[in-house]
Amino acid sequence: MVSSDLRGAMDGTGAPTAVIDLGAFDANLDALADRARGLPIRVASKSLRVPAAIDRALAHPAYSGVLAYSVPEALHLHARGVHDIVIGYPSLDKRALARMFAEVGACTNITVMIDSVAHLDIIDAVRDFLAGPRAEAGPESVPTAEDPRTTPEARTTQPNPAEATAASVRVCIDVDASFRLAEAWMGDRFHIGSRRSPIRDENSAVALARQVAARPGFDLVGLMFYEGQIAGTGDAGRSARQAIVRRMQKASIAELAKRRAAVIAAVREVADLEFVNGGGTGSFESSAVEGTLSELAAGSGLFSPGLFDGYTHFRHRPAAFFVTPVVRRPAPGWVTVFKGGFIASGVPGADRLPTIAWPPGLEYSGLEGPGEVQTPLTGPGVEDLRIGDLVWFRHAKAGELAEHFNEFLVVSGSTVVESWTTYRGEGLVL
């Protein structure tokens, strides 16, 4: 459902446009805060990719810090004044890591993710290079592919890169939180969830924690667990498959609670952890009450994309849309809108297509689907659509919509009140 006020605010739009319903966005901020049951929420920036949206979330008292997805992105956010950043994925980007050493305060405010000694080796290689005879050339001299996303002009660098390498690097260990059926007998043959990390139990976690503790220049400050088979898997529906999903999720919640507690207790014997991060928008109900986490992570729930229609235990308000005009009436019972083929990542399927949000009842062509430059639509009400009328869509996933637009028009009530630039609009290709 798209309100008449929201539709009215976009009247006359003649080109595909991304839109944020500000009232829905703010309502989702509150809804996630209520579901978090007092745990602070770290903003998952990949699910937004809009700096103003990140800032608005961080201004809410329930939100603290950012879960970024790359070193260049973390440096960009740091230069904008965000000072509690955890990078959710390991990085081999030597040029960006060198800039992290060079930027004043970055090593203090940014935590990098590891799940292997090899990740420590990469960081030490950058450190050694900057401390060596070519140190005066600075981070731009690191011999790796050029990274144009974070320019020296955009930040304050240390006057002497060799001195910067003395800073200790904050690290977080990514622990696999997936579900494995009968793991003791079948290993990972029935692995359900994200394949993120080789660190899975207290033994492997402690072994890596001890490697960090024994290595000069690193501080182990956190653990991260992402239960994608719960947080990112919809459970709604009456099919046999969805019944199996619900049973799997129930079993996974119980298994993970025990394993996570054991890993955390064991690692705390090695390091004084500042945080233990876990969960996602779809798992707040189980993650928040488990008692093992110090913070949750979420971002998608603020935009509430199409995939979130498939959950039974929460319902947020759709806040991010794109609109595109009818440009053709190719035959009776059909209209064609411009562009529209913004397909989501993941296993290919109908659930990766944009959801048609308005008018109700419209359907894609079974032979064409949403297209790169045009999208034919049919269904009830199509005869009432004229050339120039707008059709409203929701992307299947949250942050990926921002990769297709330079800005979102922000609507409050029936008025466009702001324009929020996306990462793409700022020239960032992360």
Protein backbone atom coordinates (compact mmCIF):
# COMPACT_ATOMS: atom_id res chain seq x y z
CA MET A 1 0.00 0.00 0.00
CA VAL A 2 1.29 3.43 -0.96
CA SER A 3 -0.60 6.31 0.66
CA SER A 4 -2.32 8.94 -1.44
CA ASP A 5 -0.15 11.60 0.21
CA LEU A 6 3.02 9.79 -0.83
CA ARG A 7 1.74 9.31 -4.36
CA GLY A 8 0.69 12.92 -4.57
CA ALA A 9 4.15 14.13 -3.61
CA MET A 10 5.56 12.47 -6.73
CA ASP A 11 2.92 13.67 -9.20
CA GLY A 12 4.52 14.93 -12.39
CA THR A 13 7.71 12.90 -11.99
CA GLY A 14 8.83 11.91 -15.47
CA ALA A 15 11.86 9.74 -14.76
CA PRO A 16 12.65 6.81 -12.47
CA THR A 17 13.07 8.22 -8.96
CA ALA A 18 13.98 6.73 -5.58
CA VAL A 19 11.75 7.81 -2.70
CA ILE A 20 11.93 7.55 1.09
CA ASP A 21 8.80 7.85 3.20
CA LEU A 22 10.25 9.70 6.20
CA GLY A 23 7.36 8.87 8.50
CA ALA A 24 7.75 5.16 7.77
CA PHE A 25 11.53 5.34 8.21
CA ASP A 26 11.17 6.96 11.63
CA ALA A 27 8.48 4.46 12.64
CA ASN A 28 10.86 1.64 11.71
CA LEU A 29 13.60 3.21 13.84
CA ASP A 30 11.25 2.99 16.80
CA ALA A 31 10.01 -0.49 15.92
CA LEU A 32 13.52 -1.94 15.79
CA ALA A 33 14.37 -0.21 19.06
CA ASP A 34 11.34 -1.81 20.72
CA ARG A 35 12.24 -5.23 19.33
CA ALA A 36 15.86 -4.88 20.55
CA ARG A 37 14.69 -4.94 24.20
CA GLY A 38 17.29 -2.47 25.40
CA LEU A 39 20.30 -3.71 23.47
CA PRO A 40 22.03 -1.03 21.39
CA ILE A 41 21.67 -1.41 17.62
CA ARG A 42 24.69 -1.04 15.35
CA VAL A 43 23.59 0.36 11.97
CA ALA A 44 24.37 -2.02 9.09
CA SER A 45 25.37 0.53 6.47
CA LYS A 46 25.30 -1.86 3.49
CA SER A 47 21.55 -2.05 3.98
CA LEU A 48 21.19 1.73 3.59
CA ARG A 49 24.12 3.18 1.59
CA VAL A 50 22.70 6.65 2.19
CA PRO A 51 24.80 8.81 4.56
CA ALA A 52 21.87 10.95 5.71
CA ALA A 53 19.86 7.83 6.58
CA ILE A 54 22.81 6.49 8.58
CA ASP A 55 23.10 9.83 10.38
CA ARG A 56 19.38 9.88 11.17
CA ALA A 57 19.57 6.39 12.64
CA LEU A 58 22.61 7.27 14.76
CA ALA A 59 20.76 10.31 16.13
CA HIS A 60 18.19 7.93 17.66
CA PRO A 61 19.10 6.97 21.25
CA ALA A 62 18.72 3.23 20.55
CA TYR A 63 21.41 3.18 17.85
CA SER A 64 25.16 3.28 18.35
CA GLY A 65 27.95 2.73 15.86
CA VAL A 66 28.08 1.44 12.30
CA LEU A 67 28.64 -2.01 10.87
CA ALA A 68 30.40 -1.15 7.59
CA TYR A 69 31.29 -3.52 4.78
CA SER A 70 34.69 -2.37 3.50
CA VAL A 71 37.72 -0.39 4.61
CA PRO A 72 37.18 2.39 2.03
CA GLU A 73 33.60 2.79 3.24
CA ALA A 74 34.73 2.86 6.85
CA LEU A 75 37.28 5.57 6.04
CA HIS A 76 34.62 7.59 4.22
CA LEU A 77 32.30 7.38 7.23
CA HIS A 78 35.15 8.19 9.61
CA ALA A 79 36.00 11.31 7.61
CA ARG A 80 32.35 12.34 8.02
CA GLY A 81 32.62 12.05 11.80
CA VAL A 82 31.45 8.51 12.58
CA HIS A 83 33.77 7.24 15.31
CA ASP A 84 32.59 3.73 16.15
CA ILE A 85 32.87 1.54 13.08
CA VAL A 86 33.17 -2.22 12.79
CA ILE A 87 33.95 -3.57 9.33
CA GLY A 88 31.81 -6.67 8.89
CA TYR A 89 34.04 -8.46 6.38
CA PRO A 90 37.78 -9.18 6.15
CA SER A 91 39.78 -6.94 3.82
CA LEU A 92 42.79 -7.58 1.60
CA ASP A 93 42.74 -4.00 0.28
CA LYS A 94 46.30 -2.95 1.11
CA ARG A 95 45.92 0.58 -0.21
CA ALA A 96 42.88 1.19 1.97
CA LEU A 97 44.51 -0.41 4.99
CA ALA A 98 47.49 1.90 4.49
CA ARG A 99 45.15 4.86 4.52
CA MET A 100 43.65 3.58 7.74
CA PHE A 101 47.10 3.71 9.34
CA ALA A 102 47.68 7.19 7.89
CA GLU A 103 44.41 8.81 8.92
CA VAL A 104 44.43 10.43 12.35
CA GLY A 105 42.20 8.48 14.73
CA ALA A 106 41.20 5.78 12.26
CA CYS A 107 42.92 2.89 14.03
CA THR A 108 41.32 4.01 17.28
CA ASN A 109 37.80 4.22 15.85
CA ILE A 110 37.69 1.44 13.26
CA THR A 111 37.64 -2.28 14.04
CA VAL A 112 38.57 -4.73 11.28
CA MET A 113 37.14 -8.24 10.87
CA ILE A 114 39.25 -11.39 10.79
CA ASP A 115 38.69 -15.13 10.76
CA SER A 116 42.22 -16.23 9.85
CA VAL A 117 45.85 -15.53 10.66
CA ALA A 118 46.20 -14.67 6.98
CA HIS A 119 44.15 -11.52 7.62
CA LEU A 120 46.64 -10.47 10.30
CA ASP A 121 49.49 -11.15 7.88
CA ILE A 122 48.02 -8.76 5.31
CA ILE A 123 47.75 -5.98 7.88
CA ASP A 124 51.28 -6.59 9.10
CA ALA A 125 52.56 -6.53 5.51
CA VAL A 126 51.06 -3.06 5.09
CA ARG A 127 52.48 -1.97 8.43
CA ASP A 128 55.95 -3.26 7.49
CA PHE A 129 55.86 -1.53 4.13
CA LEU A 130 54.89 1.82 5.64
CA ALA A 131 57.57 1.50 8.29
CA GLY A 132 60.23 0.66 5.72
CA PRO A 133 62.48 2.79 3.54
CA ARG A 134 59.61 3.96 1.32
CA ALA A 135 57.52 5.12 4.27
CA GLU A 136 57.87 8.80 3.37
CA ALA A 137 55.94 8.17 0.15
CA GLY A 138 52.86 7.52 2.27
CA PRO A 139 49.90 5.19 1.74
CA GLU A 140 49.69 5.97 -1.98
CA SER A 141 52.95 4.12 -2.48
CA VAL A 142 51.61 0.75 -1.31
CA PRO A 143 52.02 -1.56 -4.33
CA THR A 144 48.44 -2.60 -5.04
CA ALA A 145 45.60 -1.62 -7.35
CA GLU A 146 44.66 2.05 -7.16
CA ASP A 147 41.65 2.83 -5.02
CA PRO A 148 40.17 6.20 -6.02
CA ARG A 149 37.37 6.18 -3.49
CA THR A 150 39.09 7.80 -0.54
CA THR A 151 41.25 10.70 -1.60
CA PRO A 152 44.03 12.17 0.55
CA GLU A 153 42.33 15.56 0.27
CA ALA A 154 39.26 14.20 2.07
CA ARG A 155 41.01 13.37 5.34
CA THR A 156 43.62 14.37 7.87
CA THR A 157 46.70 12.16 7.64
CA GLN A 158 49.55 11.51 10.03
CA PRO A 159 52.56 13.69 9.21
CA ASN A 160 54.80 10.62 9.26
CA PRO A 161 53.29 7.33 7.98
CA ALA A 162 56.07 5.37 9.67
CA GLU A 163 54.95 6.75 13.03
CA ALA A 164 51.35 5.88 12.21
CA THR A 165 52.20 2.19 11.99
CA ALA A 166 52.85 2.16 15.72
CA ALA A 167 49.07 2.31 16.26
CA SER A 168 47.45 -0.90 17.42
CA VAL A 169 44.80 -2.36 15.12
CA ARG A 170 41.46 -3.26 16.67
CA VAL A 171 40.19 -6.64 15.46
CA CYS A 172 36.96 -8.59 15.76
CA ILE A 173 36.68 -12.34 15.13
CA ASP A 174 33.82 -13.44 12.87
CA VAL A 175 32.36 -16.68 14.24
CA ASP A 176 30.22 -18.89 12.01
CA ALA A 177 26.62 -18.87 13.30
CA SER A 178 25.04 -21.13 10.68
CA PHE A 179 23.06 -24.28 11.42
CA ARG A 180 24.36 -27.74 10.61
CA LEU A 181 22.00 -30.67 10.91
CA ALA A 182 23.53 -33.59 12.85
CA GLU A 183 26.93 -31.90 12.62
CA ALA A 184 28.65 -34.47 14.85
CA TRP A 185 27.98 -37.16 12.25
CA MET A 186 27.69 -35.27 8.96
CA GLY A 187 30.03 -32.33 9.40
CA ASP A 188 29.04 -29.44 7.13
CA ARG A 189 27.18 -31.49 4.50
CA PHE A 190 23.87 -30.03 5.72
CA HIS A 191 24.99 -26.43 6.23
CA ILE A 192 22.15 -23.90 6.40
CA GLY A 193 23.08 -20.22 6.55
CA SER A 194 25.88 -17.96 5.40
CA ARG A 195 29.29 -19.46 4.72
CA ARG A 196 31.25 -16.70 6.38
CA SER A 197 33.95 -18.03 8.66
CA PRO A 198 35.97 -21.17 9.47
CA ILE A 199 35.78 -20.23 13.16
CA ARG A 200 32.83 -22.14 14.59
CA ASP A 201 33.46 -23.47 18.10
CA GLU A 202 35.30 -22.43 21.25
CA ASN A 203 38.46 -24.32 20.29
CA SER A 204 38.92 -22.61 16.93
CA ALA A 205 37.91 -19.24 18.37
CA VAL A 206 40.37 -19.49 21.25
CA ALA A 207 43.17 -20.63 18.94
CA LEU A 208 42.74 -17.51 16.80
CA ALA A 209 42.27 -15.27 19.85
CA ARG A 210 45.59 -16.50 21.22
CA GLN A 211 47.27 -15.73 17.88
CA VAL A 212 45.96 -12.17 18.10
CA ALA A 213 47.01 -11.79 21.73
CA ALA A 214 50.53 -13.00 20.99
CA ARG A 215 51.00 -10.69 18.05
CA PRO A 216 52.27 -7.15 18.65
CA GLY A 217 50.15 -4.36 17.22
CA PHE A 218 46.72 -5.99 17.50
CA ASP A 219 43.93 -5.79 20.08
CA LEU A 220 41.08 -8.29 20.06
CA VAL A 221 38.05 -6.23 21.05
CA GLY A 222 35.02 -8.08 19.75
CA LEU A 223 33.23 -11.13 18.41
CA MET A 224 30.61 -11.17 15.69
CA PHE A 225 27.98 -13.82 14.93
CA TYR A 226 25.50 -13.49 12.03
CA GLU A 227 22.66 -15.98 12.05
CA GLY A 228 21.53 -15.47 8.46
CA GLN A 229 19.38 -18.59 8.45
CA ILE A 230 17.17 -16.80 11.00
CA ALA A 231 17.75 -13.09 10.40
CA GLY A 232 17.67 -13.29 6.61
CA THR A 233 15.23 -16.11 5.93
CA GLY A 234 11.49 -15.49 5.85
CA ASP A 235 9.30 -17.99 7.69
CA ALA A 236 5.82 -17.00 6.48
CA GLY A 237 3.68 -19.34 4.42
CA ARG A 238 1.75 -22.59 4.65
CA SER A 239 3.87 -24.68 2.31
CA ALA A 240 5.79 -27.72 3.47
CA ARG A 241 9.00 -25.83 2.76
CA GLN A 242 8.06 -22.97 5.07
CA ALA A 243 7.06 -25.41 7.79
CA ILE A 244 10.53 -26.93 7.50
CA VAL A 245 12.08 -23.44 7.66
CA ARG A 246 10.26 -22.70 10.92
CA ARG A 247 11.38 -25.99 12.46
CA MET A 248 14.95 -25.40 11.30
CA GLN A 249 14.96 -21.91 12.79
CA LYS A 250 13.65 -23.15 16.12
CA ALA A 251 16.37 -25.80 16.27
CA SER A 252 19.01 -23.31 15.16
CA ILE A 253 18.06 -20.78 17.85
CA ALA A 254 18.51 -23.41 20.55
CA GLU A 255 21.79 -24.75 19.14
CA LEU A 256 23.30 -21.32 18.58
CA ALA A 257 22.46 -20.07 22.06
CA LYS A 258 24.54 -22.84 23.63
CA ARG A 259 27.42 -22.65 21.16
CA ARG A 260 27.58 -18.87 21.21
CA ALA A 261 27.69 -18.79 25.01
CA ALA A 262 30.52 -21.34 25.04
CA VAL A 263 32.57 -19.43 22.44
CA ILE A 264 32.14 -16.11 24.22
CA ALA A 265 33.08 -17.52 27.63
CA ALA A 266 36.17 -19.21 26.22
CA VAL A 267 37.41 -16.15 24.32
CA ARG A 268 36.86 -13.90 27.34
CA GLU A 269 39.51 -15.99 29.08
CA VAL A 270 41.97 -14.72 26.45
CA ALA A 271 40.81 -11.16 25.75
CA ASP A 272 38.82 -8.41 27.43
CA LEU A 273 36.07 -8.04 24.84
CA GLU A 274 34.38 -4.69 24.37
CA PHE A 275 31.43 -6.04 22.39
CA VAL A 276 29.72 -9.16 21.09
CA ASN A 277 27.63 -8.41 18.01
CA GLY A 278 24.94 -10.59 16.49
CA GLY A 279 21.55 -10.83 14.90
CA GLY A 280 19.87 -8.96 12.09
CA THR A 281 16.48 -7.41 11.45
CA GLY A 282 14.79 -10.80 11.08
CA SER A 283 16.20 -12.33 14.29
CA PHE A 284 15.78 -9.61 16.91
CA GLU A 285 13.16 -11.61 18.82
CA SER A 286 15.53 -14.52 19.44
CA SER A 287 18.86 -12.67 19.43
CA ALA A 288 17.82 -10.00 21.94
CA VAL A 289 16.60 -12.43 24.61
CA GLU A 290 19.45 -14.94 24.32
CA GLY A 291 21.54 -13.11 26.91
CA THR A 292 24.90 -13.51 25.16
CA LEU A 293 25.06 -10.37 23.02
CA SER A 294 26.06 -6.84 23.97
CA GLU A 295 24.62 -5.33 20.78
CA LEU A 296 22.53 -6.15 17.72
CA ALA A 297 23.02 -5.15 14.09
CA ALA A 298 20.34 -4.04 11.64
CA GLY A 299 19.77 -1.79 8.68
CA SER A 300 17.35 -3.44 6.26
CA GLY A 301 14.47 -3.08 8.68
CA LEU A 302 14.66 0.70 8.34
CA PHE A 303 13.77 0.53 4.64
CA SER A 304 11.68 -2.69 4.94
CA PRO A 305 12.21 -4.09 1.44
CA GLY A 306 10.10 -6.69 -0.33
CA LEU A 307 11.77 -9.74 1.18
CA PHE A 308 10.63 -8.65 4.64
CA ASP A 309 7.03 -9.35 3.68
CA GLY A 310 7.88 -13.00 4.31
CA TYR A 311 8.23 -12.91 8.12
CA THR A 312 5.56 -13.83 10.66
CA HIS A 313 6.91 -12.25 13.86
CA PHE A 314 7.30 -8.62 12.82
CA ARG A 315 5.98 -6.15 10.27
CA HIS A 316 7.74 -2.89 9.51
CA ARG A 317 6.44 -0.16 7.24
CA PRO A 318 7.79 0.00 3.69
CA ALA A 319 9.93 3.14 3.63
CA ALA A 320 12.01 2.96 0.43
CA PHE A 321 10.51 2.87 -3.05
CA PHE A 322 11.28 3.64 -6.63
CA VAL A 323 8.75 5.07 -9.03
CA THR A 324 8.83 5.02 -12.79
CA PRO A 325 6.36 6.33 -15.37
CA VAL A 326 4.18 4.50 -17.86
CA VAL A 327 5.75 5.25 -21.24
CA ARG A 328 3.77 2.91 -23.53
CA ARG A 329 0.46 1.12 -23.95
CA PRO A 330 1.63 -1.64 -26.29
CA ALA A 331 -1.67 -3.59 -26.36
CA PRO A 332 -5.04 -3.78 -24.62
CA GLY A 333 -4.50 -4.91 -21.04
CA TRP A 334 -0.84 -3.90 -20.99
CA VAL A 335 1.30 -0.90 -20.07
CA THR A 336 5.05 -0.52 -20.19
CA VAL A 337 7.06 1.49 -17.68
CA PHE A 338 10.58 2.79 -18.17
CA LYS A 339 13.38 0.64 -16.72
CA GLY A 340 12.48 -1.27 -13.54
CA GLY A 341 14.78 -4.29 -13.76
CA PHE A 342 16.54 -3.82 -10.43
CA ILE A 343 17.07 -7.46 -9.47
CA ALA A 344 18.38 -8.34 -6.02
CA SER A 345 21.42 -10.46 -5.25
CA GLY A 346 21.11 -13.98 -3.92
CA VAL A 347 19.77 -17.25 -5.29
CA PRO A 348 17.85 -16.33 -8.49
CA GLY A 349 14.09 -16.54 -8.13
CA ALA A 350 10.86 -14.60 -8.17
CA ASP A 351 11.53 -13.28 -4.67
CA ARG A 352 14.51 -11.32 -6.05
CA LEU A 353 12.27 -9.20 -8.29
CA PRO A 354 11.00 -5.78 -7.23
CA THR A 355 7.60 -5.87 -5.51
CA ILE A 356 4.95 -3.88 -7.37
CA ALA A 357 3.61 -1.64 -4.62
CA TRP A 358 1.06 0.49 -6.52
CA PRO A 359 -1.36 0.19 -8.22
CA PRO A 360 -2.45 -3.07 -6.60
CA GLY A 361 -2.89 -6.17 -8.72
CA LEU A 362 -0.32 -5.45 -11.41
CA GLU A 363 1.84 -8.33 -12.62
CA TYR A 364 4.98 -8.81 -14.67
CA SER A 365 5.01 -10.43 -18.07
CA GLY A 366 5.94 -14.08 -17.67
CA LEU A 367 8.04 -13.91 -20.83
CA GLU A 368 9.81 -10.63 -20.17
CA GLY A 369 9.80 -9.73 -16.47
CA PRO A 370 11.29 -6.47 -15.18
CA GLY A 371 13.74 -5.18 -17.75
CA GLU A 372 16.85 -3.09 -18.09
CA VAL A 373 15.11 -0.36 -20.10
CA GLN A 374 11.44 -1.30 -20.00
CA THR A 375 9.03 -3.39 -17.93
CA PRO A 376 5.65 -4.55 -19.32
CA LEU A 377 2.85 -4.88 -16.76
CA THR A 378 -0.64 -6.33 -16.85
CA GLY A 379 -3.44 -7.05 -14.39
CA PRO A 380 -6.49 -5.37 -12.82
CA GLY A 381 -6.59 -1.62 -13.15
CA VAL A 382 -4.12 -1.42 -15.98
CA GLU A 383 -6.76 0.20 -18.23
CA ASP A 384 -6.90 3.13 -15.81
CA LEU A 385 -3.20 3.87 -16.24
CA ARG A 386 -2.31 6.58 -18.72
CA ILE A 387 1.01 7.48 -20.23
CA GLY A 388 2.85 9.49 -17.60
CA ASP A 389 1.19 7.82 -14.60
CA LEU A 390 3.57 6.41 -12.01
CA VAL A 391 3.97 2.83 -10.88
CA TRP A 392 5.55 2.28 -7.46
CA PHE A 393 7.98 -0.53 -6.65
CA ARG A 394 9.97 -1.80 -3.66
CA HIS A 395 13.35 -3.44 -4.14
CA ALA A 396 13.61 -6.97 -2.80
CA LYS A 397 16.64 -5.99 -0.67
CA ALA A 398 17.29 -2.74 1.12
CA GLY A 399 20.66 -1.17 0.32
CA GLU A 400 20.94 -2.41 -3.24
CA LEU A 401 18.35 0.10 -4.44
CA ALA A 402 20.86 2.87 -3.68
CA GLU A 403 23.23 1.40 -6.29
CA HIS A 404 20.77 2.46 -9.02
CA PHE A 405 20.15 6.09 -7.98
CA ASN A 406 22.22 9.13 -7.05
CA GLU A 407 19.67 10.36 -4.52
CA PHE A 408 16.44 9.62 -2.70
CA LEU A 409 13.70 12.21 -2.54
CA VAL A 410 12.50 12.30 1.07
CA VAL A 411 8.77 12.76 1.58
CA SER A 412 7.10 13.87 4.80
CA GLY A 413 3.32 13.82 4.59
CA SER A 414 2.62 14.92 1.05
CA THR A 415 5.70 17.10 0.57
CA VAL A 416 9.22 16.45 -0.65
CA VAL A 417 11.28 17.90 2.19
CA GLU A 418 14.82 16.76 1.42
CA SER A 419 17.10 14.99 -1.00
CA TRP A 420 19.40 12.34 0.45
CA THR A 421 22.47 11.53 -1.63
CA THR A 422 23.44 7.87 -1.96
CA TYR A 423 26.97 6.48 -1.91
CA ARG A 424 26.68 6.31 -5.68
CA GLY A 425 25.67 9.98 -5.78
CA GLU A 426 28.82 10.81 -3.80
CA GLY A 427 30.93 8.99 -6.40
CA LEU A 428 31.61 5.98 -4.19
CA VAL A 429 31.91 2.57 -5.81
CA LEU A 430 32.48 0.31 -2.84
